C-alpha atoms as a PDB file:
ATOM      1  CA  ASN A   1       0.595 -70.782  37.998  1.00  0.00           C
ATOM      2  CA  ASP A   2       3.243 -71.575  35.419  1.00  0.00           C
ATOM      3  CA  ASN A   3       5.860 -72.818  37.896  1.00  0.00           C
ATOM      4  CA  TYR A   4       3.644 -75.161  39.910  1.00  0.00           C
ATOM      5  CA  GLY A   5       0.850 -75.952  37.475  1.00  0.00           C
ATOM      6  CA  VAL A   6      -1.864 -75.002  39.948  1.00  0.00           C
ATOM      7  CA  GLY A   7      -3.699 -71.826  40.834  1.00  0.00           C
ATOM      8  CA  PHE A   8      -2.759 -69.728  43.820  1.00  0.00           C
ATOM      9  CA  PRO A   9      -5.695 -70.855  46.028  1.00  0.00           C
ATOM     10  CA  SER A  10      -4.830 -74.530  45.441  1.00  0.00           C
ATOM     11  CA  PHE A  11      -1.157 -73.849  46.162  1.00  0.00           C
ATOM     12  CA  ILE A  12      -2.003 -72.064  49.420  1.00  0.00           C
ATOM     13  CA  ASN A  13      -4.445 -74.752  50.558  1.00  0.00           C
ATOM     14  CA  THR A  14      -1.902 -77.486  49.832  1.00  0.00           C
ATOM     15  CA  PHE A  15       0.667 -75.567  51.877  1.00  0.00           C
ATOM     16  CA  ARG A  16      -1.854 -75.161  54.707  1.00  0.00           C
ATOM     17  CA  VAL A  17      -2.709 -78.874  54.730  1.00  0.00           C
ATOM     18  CA  GLU A  18       0.976 -79.839  54.823  1.00  0.00           C
ATOM     19  CA  ALA A  19       1.529 -77.415  57.702  1.00  0.00           C
ATOM     20  CA  SER A  20      -1.473 -78.883  59.501  1.00  0.00           C
ATOM     21  CA  CYS A  21      -0.001 -82.389  59.199  1.00  0.00           C
ATOM     22  CA  GLN A  22       3.103 -81.194  61.006  1.00  0.00           C
ATOM     23  CA  LEU A  23       1.007 -79.528  63.713  1.00  0.00           C
ATOM     24  CA  ILE A  24      -1.131 -82.639  64.159  1.00  0.00           C
ATOM     25  CA  ILE A  25       2.040 -84.637  64.798  1.00  0.00           C
ATOM     26  CA  GLU A  26       3.609 -82.038  67.094  1.00  0.00           C
ATOM     27  CA  LYS A  27       0.590 -80.590  68.935  1.00  0.00           C
ATOM     28  CA  HIS A  28      -2.011 -83.394  68.947  1.00  0.00           C
ATOM     29  CA  GLN A  29      -2.081 -83.431  72.744  1.00  0.00           C
ATOM     30  CA  THR A  30      -2.646 -79.704  73.190  1.00  0.00           C
ATOM     31  CA  LEU A  31      -4.641 -78.535  70.145  1.00  0.00           C
ATOM     32  CA  THR A  32      -7.910 -79.785  68.683  1.00  0.00           C
ATOM     33  CA  LEU A  33      -8.105 -80.474  64.963  1.00  0.00           C
ATOM     34  CA  GLU A  34     -10.342 -77.428  64.626  1.00  0.00           C
ATOM     35  CA  ALA A  35      -7.723 -75.256  66.351  1.00  0.00           C
ATOM     36  CA  ILE A  36      -5.018 -76.655  64.066  1.00  0.00           C
ATOM     37  CA  GLY A  37      -7.129 -75.816  61.016  1.00  0.00           C
ATOM     38  CA  LYS A  38      -7.552 -72.255  62.227  1.00  0.00           C
ATOM     39  CA  GLU A  39      -3.862 -72.014  63.095  1.00  0.00           C
ATOM     40  CA  VAL A  40      -2.885 -72.746  59.484  1.00  0.00           C
ATOM     41  CA  GLY A  41      -5.447 -70.322  58.055  1.00  0.00           C
ATOM     42  CA  PHE A  42      -8.706 -72.151  57.404  1.00  0.00           C
ATOM     43  CA  GLN A  43     -11.774 -70.196  58.506  1.00  0.00           C
ATOM     44  CA  SER A  44     -13.871 -73.171  59.599  1.00  0.00           C
ATOM     45  CA  LYS A  45     -13.576 -76.800  60.611  1.00  0.00           C
ATOM     46  CA  SER A  46     -15.625 -77.940  57.615  1.00  0.00           C
ATOM     47  CA  THR A  47     -13.414 -76.078  55.142  1.00  0.00           C
ATOM     48  CA  PHE A  48     -10.310 -77.514  56.773  1.00  0.00           C
ATOM     49  CA  PHE A  49     -11.663 -81.065  56.687  1.00  0.00           C
ATOM     50  CA  THR A  50     -12.860 -80.686  53.071  1.00  0.00           C
ATOM     51  CA  PHE A  51      -9.506 -79.482  51.750  1.00  0.00           C
ATOM     52  CA  PHE A  52      -7.537 -81.927  53.890  1.00  0.00           C
ATOM     53  CA  LYS A  53      -9.510 -84.849  52.426  1.00  0.00           C
ATOM     54  CA  LYS A  54      -9.219 -83.452  48.897  1.00  0.00           C
ATOM     55  CA  ILE A  55      -5.441 -83.055  49.149  1.00  0.00           C
ATOM     56  CA  LYS A  56      -4.451 -86.038  51.331  1.00  0.00           C
ATOM     57  CA  GLY A  57      -7.257 -88.459  50.444  1.00  0.00           C
ATOM     58  CA  ILE A  58      -8.055 -89.015  54.118  1.00  0.00           C
ATOM     59  CA  THR A  59      -9.595 -86.929  56.895  1.00  0.00           C
ATOM     60  CA  PRO A  60      -7.519 -85.241  59.595  1.00  0.00           C
ATOM     61  CA  ASN A  61      -8.855 -87.842  62.056  1.00  0.00           C
ATOM     62  CA  GLU A  62      -7.698 -90.674  59.801  1.00  0.00           C
ATOM     63  CA  PHE A  63      -4.294 -89.003  59.436  1.00  0.00           C
ATOM     64  CA  LYS A  64      -4.025 -88.733  63.204  1.00  0.00           C
ATOM     65  CA  ALA A  65      -4.899 -92.426  63.562  1.00  0.00           C
ATOM     66  CA  GLN A  66      -2.332 -93.417  60.938  1.00  0.00           C
ATOM     67  CA  GLN A  67       0.309 -91.612  62.961  1.00  0.00           C
ATOM     68  CA  ASN A  68      -0.745 -93.637  66.031  1.00  0.00           C
ATOM     69  CA  LEU A  69      -1.673 -90.423  67.845  1.00  0.00           C
ATOM     70  CA  VAL A  70      -5.217 -91.359  68.843  1.00  0.00           C
END
């Protein structure tokens, strides 16, 4: 908490979202967004989408579109 200024759950979820961004870029043709969320540790699609939007300010679908992967 002292080193990063955030609680452990927030730190972990930020790490998971960043990892999911990399997977979206690398595996967008073979994995669904739901599968990517589960791969990085989120238990459900809705939880993944909620935290992704909270941390990145956009949805995973919008991120994918911004990367010209749609």
